[in-house]
Protein backbone atom coordinates (compact mmCIF):
# COMPACT_ATOMS: atom_id res chain seq x y z
CA MET A 1 26.34 6.27 3.61
CA LEU A 2 22.70 6.39 4.66
CA ARG A 3 20.34 3.44 4.70
CA ILE A 4 16.82 4.38 3.64
CA VAL A 5 13.79 2.10 3.85
CA SER A 6 10.27 2.72 2.56
CA LEU A 7 7.03 0.80 2.99
CA ASN A 8 3.33 1.21 2.27
CA MET A 9 2.06 -0.26 5.53
CA ARG A 10 -1.64 -0.85 4.89
CA ALA A 11 -0.89 -2.39 1.49
CA TYR A 12 0.89 -5.19 3.32
CA PHE A 13 -1.26 -6.09 6.28
CA GLY A 14 -4.58 -4.42 5.75
CA PRO A 15 -6.65 -1.88 7.66
CA GLY A 16 -6.51 -3.73 10.96
CA GLY A 17 -2.81 -3.06 11.45
CA SER A 18 -2.44 -6.17 13.61
CA GLN A 19 1.04 -6.79 12.26
CA ALA A 20 2.41 -3.28 12.79
CA GLU A 21 4.80 -4.53 15.47
CA ASP A 22 6.10 -7.26 13.16
CA PHE A 23 6.81 -4.81 10.39
CA ALA A 24 8.35 -2.35 12.82
CA SER A 25 10.74 -5.09 13.94
CA LEU A 26 11.49 -5.93 10.32
CA ILE A 27 12.28 -2.28 9.54
CA ALA A 28 14.44 -2.06 12.67
CA SER A 29 16.40 -5.17 11.67
CA HIS A 30 17.77 -3.26 8.68
CA ASP A 31 19.17 -0.50 10.88
CA PRO A 32 17.67 2.35 8.83
CA ASP A 33 18.82 5.95 9.01
CA VAL A 34 15.69 7.23 7.25
CA VAL A 35 12.25 5.59 7.07
CA LEU A 36 9.58 6.80 4.62
CA LEU A 37 6.13 5.28 5.08
CA GLN A 38 2.86 5.56 3.20
CA GLU A 39 -0.66 4.58 4.33
CA ALA A 40 0.45 4.65 7.95
CA ARG A 41 -1.96 5.23 10.80
CA PRO A 42 -0.77 7.92 13.24
CA ARG A 43 -0.43 5.37 16.05
CA TRP A 44 1.96 3.25 13.95
CA LEU A 45 4.57 6.02 14.00
CA GLU A 46 5.32 5.39 17.67
CA VAL A 47 5.51 1.64 17.08
CA VAL A 48 8.06 2.01 14.29
CA CYS A 49 10.11 4.69 16.06
CA ARG A 50 10.28 2.69 19.28
CA ALA A 51 11.40 -0.46 17.49
CA ALA A 52 13.98 1.22 15.23
CA GLY A 53 15.25 3.97 17.53
CA LEU A 54 13.93 6.78 15.35
CA ASP A 55 12.35 10.19 15.75
CA GLY A 56 9.74 11.20 13.24
CA ALA A 57 6.46 12.82 12.32
CA HIS A 58 3.14 11.88 10.75
CA SER A 59 1.67 14.03 8.01
CA LEU A 60 -1.62 14.45 9.88
CA ASP A 61 0.29 16.22 12.66
CA VAL A 62 1.99 18.68 10.30
CA ALA A 63 0.51 22.01 9.18
CA PRO A 64 -1.82 22.80 7.57
CA GLN A 65 -4.19 21.15 10.03
CA ALA A 66 -6.45 18.51 8.53
CA VAL A 67 -10.06 19.35 9.32
CA ARG A 68 -11.63 16.11 8.13
CA ARG A 69 -11.49 12.55 9.44
CA ARG A 70 -8.05 11.40 10.56
CA GLY A 71 -7.23 8.31 8.53
CA ASP A 72 -3.86 7.23 7.24
CA GLY A 73 -1.06 9.38 5.91
CA CYS A 74 2.68 9.50 5.38
CA VAL A 75 5.59 9.28 7.82
CA ILE A 76 9.18 10.49 7.81
CA ALA A 77 11.46 9.26 10.59
CA VAL A 78 15.23 9.53 11.10
CA ARG A 79 17.87 8.13 13.42
CA SER A 80 20.37 10.24 15.35
CA PRO A 81 22.68 11.97 14.48
CA LEU A 82 20.18 12.90 11.74
CA ARG A 83 17.66 15.51 12.86
CA ILE A 84 14.46 16.80 11.31
CA GLU A 85 14.85 20.58 11.25
CA ARG A 86 11.48 21.41 9.75
CA LEU A 87 8.42 19.69 8.32
CA TRP A 88 5.85 20.78 5.77
CA ARG A 89 3.11 19.43 3.55
CA LEU A 90 2.07 20.62 0.16
CA GLU A 91 -0.78 23.05 0.73
CA PRO A 92 -4.17 21.92 -0.62
CA SER A 93 -4.01 24.89 -3.00
CA ALA A 94 -0.88 23.40 -4.62
CA PHE A 95 -3.16 20.86 -6.33
CA THR A 96 -5.50 23.45 -7.84
CA PRO A 97 -6.19 22.26 -11.41
CA ALA A 98 -5.52 25.61 -13.08
CA ILE A 99 -2.23 26.12 -11.19
CA VAL A 100 -0.85 22.66 -12.02
CA ALA A 101 -2.13 22.79 -15.60
CA THR A 102 -0.54 26.18 -16.24
CA ALA A 103 2.82 25.21 -14.75
CA LEU A 104 3.02 22.00 -16.80
CA LYS A 105 1.22 23.26 -19.92
CA ASP A 106 -1.27 20.43 -19.62
CA PRO A 107 -4.97 21.31 -20.03
CA VAL A 108 -7.59 20.77 -17.36
CA PRO A 109 -10.12 18.09 -18.36
CA VAL A 110 -13.69 19.21 -18.85
CA ARG A 111 -15.76 18.84 -15.65
CA TYR A 112 -12.58 18.64 -13.55
CA GLU A 113 -11.89 22.36 -13.27
CA VAL A 114 -12.68 22.44 -9.53
CA LEU A 115 -10.92 20.07 -7.15
CA PRO A 116 -13.19 19.04 -4.23
CA ASP A 117 -11.94 20.39 -0.91
CA ALA A 118 -11.95 16.90 0.60
CA LEU A 119 -9.70 15.56 -2.16
CA ALA A 120 -7.36 18.56 -1.98
CA GLU A 121 -6.94 17.86 1.73
CA ARG A 122 -6.38 14.17 1.09
CA PHE A 123 -3.67 14.98 -1.44
CA SER A 124 -2.07 17.37 1.04
CA THR A 125 -1.98 14.83 3.88
CA ARG A 126 -0.18 12.42 1.54
CA ALA A 127 2.62 14.79 0.53
CA LEU A 128 5.05 15.18 3.44
CA PHE A 129 8.47 16.86 3.33
CA ALA A 130 11.25 17.19 5.92
CA GLU A 131 14.53 19.08 5.90
CA VAL A 132 17.11 16.85 7.56
CA SER A 133 20.48 17.78 9.05
CA GLY A 134 23.26 15.70 10.59
CA ALA A 135 24.55 14.08 7.38
CA THR A 136 27.54 15.32 5.38
CA ARG A 137 25.18 18.04 4.16
CA PRO A 138 21.51 18.87 4.70
CA PHE A 139 18.95 17.17 2.48
CA VAL A 140 15.19 16.94 2.01
CA ALA A 141 13.26 13.71 2.51
CA ALA A 142 9.72 13.31 1.20
CA SER A 143 7.06 10.63 1.42
CA PHE A 144 4.15 10.63 -1.07
CA HIS A 145 1.08 8.52 -1.69
CA ALA A 146 -1.00 9.18 -4.80
CA THR A 147 -4.72 8.45 -4.59
CA PRO A 148 -5.86 5.79 -7.11
CA GLY A 149 -8.14 6.93 -9.90
CA GLU A 150 -10.70 4.37 -8.75
CA GLY A 151 -10.75 5.91 -5.28
CA ARG A 152 -13.71 8.02 -4.20
CA VAL A 153 -14.28 11.29 -2.42
CA GLY A 154 -17.78 11.01 -1.08
CA LYS A 155 -19.69 9.61 -4.04
CA GLN A 156 -17.32 11.02 -6.67
CA LYS A 157 -14.57 9.00 -8.29
CA VAL A 158 -11.10 10.56 -8.18
CA SER A 159 -10.70 9.72 -11.87
CA ASP A 160 -9.13 12.61 -13.86
CA TRP A 161 -8.17 14.51 -10.72
CA LYS A 162 -5.61 11.80 -9.96
CA PRO A 163 -2.72 13.23 -12.08
CA LEU A 164 -2.92 16.55 -10.20
CA PHE A 165 -1.09 14.86 -7.34
CA HIS A 166 1.80 13.70 -9.53
CA GLY A 167 2.02 17.07 -11.24
CA ALA A 168 2.08 19.05 -7.99
CA ALA A 169 4.67 16.69 -6.46
CA ALA A 170 6.87 17.02 -9.55
CA ILE A 171 6.66 20.82 -9.42
CA ALA A 172 7.59 20.84 -5.73
CA LEU A 173 10.57 18.53 -6.29
CA SER A 174 11.78 20.60 -9.22
CA GLU A 175 11.92 23.66 -6.98
CA LEU A 176 14.13 22.07 -4.30
CA ASP A 177 17.67 23.41 -4.00
CA LEU A 178 18.93 20.83 -1.48
CA PRO A 179 19.73 17.20 -2.26
CA PHE A 180 16.59 15.13 -1.78
CA VAL A 181 15.30 11.61 -1.38
CA PHE A 182 11.66 10.66 -1.70
CA ALA A 183 9.43 7.61 -1.62
CA ILE A 184 6.07 7.36 -3.34
CA ASP A 185 3.29 4.90 -3.87
CA ALA A 186 2.38 6.47 -7.22
CA ASN A 187 -0.22 3.99 -8.50
CA GLU A 188 1.41 4.53 -11.91
CA PRO A 189 2.52 3.49 -14.46
CA PRO A 190 0.76 0.20 -15.25
CA THR A 191 3.75 -1.05 -17.24
CA GLU A 192 7.16 0.11 -18.44
CA THR A 193 10.45 -1.09 -19.87
CA ALA A 194 13.99 0.26 -19.71
CA ASP A 195 13.22 2.63 -22.58
CA ALA A 196 9.52 3.36 -22.35
CA VAL A 197 6.74 4.15 -19.89
CA ARG A 198 3.06 3.45 -20.52
CA PHE A 199 0.82 5.45 -18.24
CA GLY A 200 -2.83 4.84 -17.54
CA TRP A 201 -3.42 8.12 -19.41
CA GLU A 202 -2.60 7.85 -23.11
CA GLU A 203 -0.32 10.50 -24.56
CA GLY A 204 -2.22 13.69 -25.36
CA ARG A 205 -5.00 13.05 -22.85
CA PRO A 206 -5.19 15.82 -20.24
CA GLY A 207 -3.28 14.51 -17.23
CA ALA A 208 -0.66 12.52 -19.13
CA ALA A 209 1.87 15.36 -18.95
CA LYS A 210 1.32 15.62 -15.19
CA LEU A 211 2.17 11.94 -14.73
CA ALA A 212 5.18 12.29 -17.01
CA ALA A 213 6.42 15.31 -15.06
CA LEU A 214 7.01 13.03 -12.09
CA LEU A 215 7.58 9.62 -13.68
CA GLY A 216 8.44 10.23 -17.31
CA LEU A 217 11.51 10.00 -19.52
CA PRO A 218 12.78 12.41 -18.38
CA PRO A 219 10.83 13.93 -15.46
CA ILE A 220 10.96 17.66 -14.77
CA HIS A 221 12.84 17.20 -11.48
CA ARG A 222 16.53 16.29 -11.11
CA ALA A 223 16.19 12.72 -9.92
CA ARG A 224 17.37 9.70 -11.89
CA ASP A 225 15.52 6.43 -12.03
CA LEU A 226 17.57 3.74 -10.32
CA GLN A 227 15.44 0.86 -11.51
CA ARG A 228 15.59 1.97 -15.13
CA GLU A 229 19.37 2.27 -14.91
CA GLN A 230 19.55 -1.27 -13.54
CA LEU A 231 17.39 -2.50 -16.40
CA LYS A 232 19.68 -0.82 -18.93
CA ASN A 233 22.90 -1.88 -17.25
CA THR A 234 21.91 -5.53 -16.90
CA GLY A 235 19.88 -5.93 -20.09
CA ARG A 236 17.36 -7.96 -18.08
CA GLY A 237 13.60 -7.67 -18.30
CA PRO A 238 11.61 -6.05 -15.46
CA GLY A 239 10.55 -9.45 -14.11
CA TYR A 240 14.14 -10.55 -13.47
CA ARG A 241 14.73 -10.91 -9.74
CA GLY A 242 18.13 -9.21 -9.89
CA ILE A 243 16.35 -5.97 -10.79
CA SER A 244 13.88 -6.19 -7.95
CA GLY A 245 15.96 -4.58 -5.22
CA ALA A 246 15.02 -1.16 -6.59
CA HIS A 247 11.39 -1.42 -5.56
CA VAL A 248 8.79 -3.25 -3.56
CA HIS A 249 5.59 -4.60 -5.05
CA HIS A 250 2.46 -3.45 -3.29
CA GLN A 251 0.67 -6.57 -4.46
CA TRP A 252 2.46 -8.53 -1.71
CA ARG A 253 -0.35 -8.33 0.83
CA LYS A 254 0.20 -11.56 2.72
CA GLY A 255 2.34 -10.08 5.47
CA ASP A 256 5.50 -11.90 4.40
CA THR A 257 8.08 -10.43 6.77
CA ARG A 258 10.91 -12.74 5.74
CA ARG A 259 12.21 -10.63 2.87
CA TRP A 260 12.71 -6.91 2.77
CA PRO A 261 14.82 -4.59 0.60
CA ALA A 262 17.30 -2.15 2.09
CA PHE A 263 18.58 0.89 0.22
CA ARG A 264 21.79 2.84 0.78
CA LEU A 265 22.33 6.39 -0.33
CA ASP A 266 25.60 8.30 -0.06
CA LEU A 267 24.72 12.00 -0.13
CA GLY A 268 28.36 12.92 -0.67
CA ASN A 269 29.15 10.85 -3.73
CA ILE A 270 25.46 10.10 -4.39
CA ARG A 271 26.03 6.38 -4.74
CA VAL A 272 23.05 4.12 -4.38
CA GLN A 273 23.25 0.45 -3.59
CA ASP A 274 20.45 -1.98 -2.91
CA ARG A 275 20.13 -5.29 -1.19
CA GLU A 276 18.75 -7.75 -3.68
CA LEU A 277 15.32 -9.17 -2.99
CA ARG A 278 14.90 -12.88 -3.38
CA HIS A 279 11.45 -12.44 -4.86
CA LEU A 280 10.89 -13.18 -8.50
CA LEU A 281 8.76 -10.25 -9.59
CA HIS A 282 5.47 -10.84 -11.27
CA ARG A 283 3.24 -8.73 -13.48
CA GLY A 284 6.13 -6.65 -14.75
CA VAL A 285 6.93 -3.56 -12.74
CA SER A 286 3.47 -2.19 -12.08
CA ARG A 287 2.62 -0.26 -8.91
CA ARG A 288 6.10 -0.50 -7.51
CA GLN A 289 7.60 1.33 -4.63
CA ARG A 290 11.03 2.83 -5.17
CA PRO A 291 13.69 5.02 -3.64
CA CYS A 292 14.68 8.37 -5.10
CA ALA A 293 17.18 11.00 -4.16
CA ALA A 294 18.97 13.98 -5.54
CA PRO A 295 22.27 15.73 -4.87
CA SER A 296 22.86 19.44 -5.23
CA ARG A 297 20.69 21.38 -7.65
CA HIS A 298 23.07 21.22 -10.61
CA HIS A 299 23.40 17.43 -10.45
CA ALA A 300 21.12 14.80 -11.89
CA GLN A 301 19.14 12.89 -9.28
CA LEU A 302 16.94 9.89 -8.86
CA SER A 303 13.21 9.92 -8.49
CA THR A 304 10.47 7.60 -7.25
CA ARG A 305 7.56 5.88 -8.81
CA SER A 306 5.09 3.85 -6.86
CA GLY A 307 7.50 3.92 -3.99
CA PRO A 308 10.77 5.65 -3.19
CA SER A 309 13.30 7.03 -5.62
CA TRP A 310 16.73 8.73 -5.52
CA PRO A 311 18.89 11.17 -7.49
CA CYS A 312 22.35 10.05 -8.48
CA ASP A 313 25.32 11.63 -10.13
């Protein structure tokens, strides 16, 4: 049984990072085997690893080398006896509009045929993978952070380039042969229920199929949606606090370190358990962070939305 924790760090305590040590202690208190972080500054990796007894890597230190300003990125860290055997990022070329559009049979929007180099690099630095050994069998861990559509590259809005990230991540996950677990701050969907997902891109609009490939019903990868299964199994609405252990809301920006979800994943039986949050969720299930994992290639698996997600049998 592995305990996996994920957190978007800057979404909680802001660009200053003054509370990094507090959050590192909070993560350490849950005795994690795997930690998947988004919006983490490179220097925060050492803080978290020192507090939790982990070894890990930051996406900005993984090939291909980032040539632009070093900002935040993603982190994967593990505790012994787990070991990171190799690390990789999605290449900037993986987000090429024509490549993603062809693979997913989703057209490229007019005026978005060329992805700016700066945005391609940003996407790449927020798509980190690691092959991990030391468990009952090897598995892949991934940490993703999708750029919001309102974000900017220079003076240009990300806008309709945004779904390229989700599409490329979905394609990469669908090609994995090993079991996998991933965490993503997906900035989608705005709302959903147990039986439906409403993306920010209406059905038929170029980009909608890319979002659905990662987050839809069903996605193109093997992972299963733990939160949706909880909704169906309990019959509760998405605001019910008993459902909330499957994700973390990024709207909680006040640095509340008193409550934190812990996730367990058994890569043998692929059982997932969660420690219930005491928060009563608000605003539905928008912009959540969730765990996702997947067993061997022929099994169904979980997947992540605006956070981590797992595959389960």
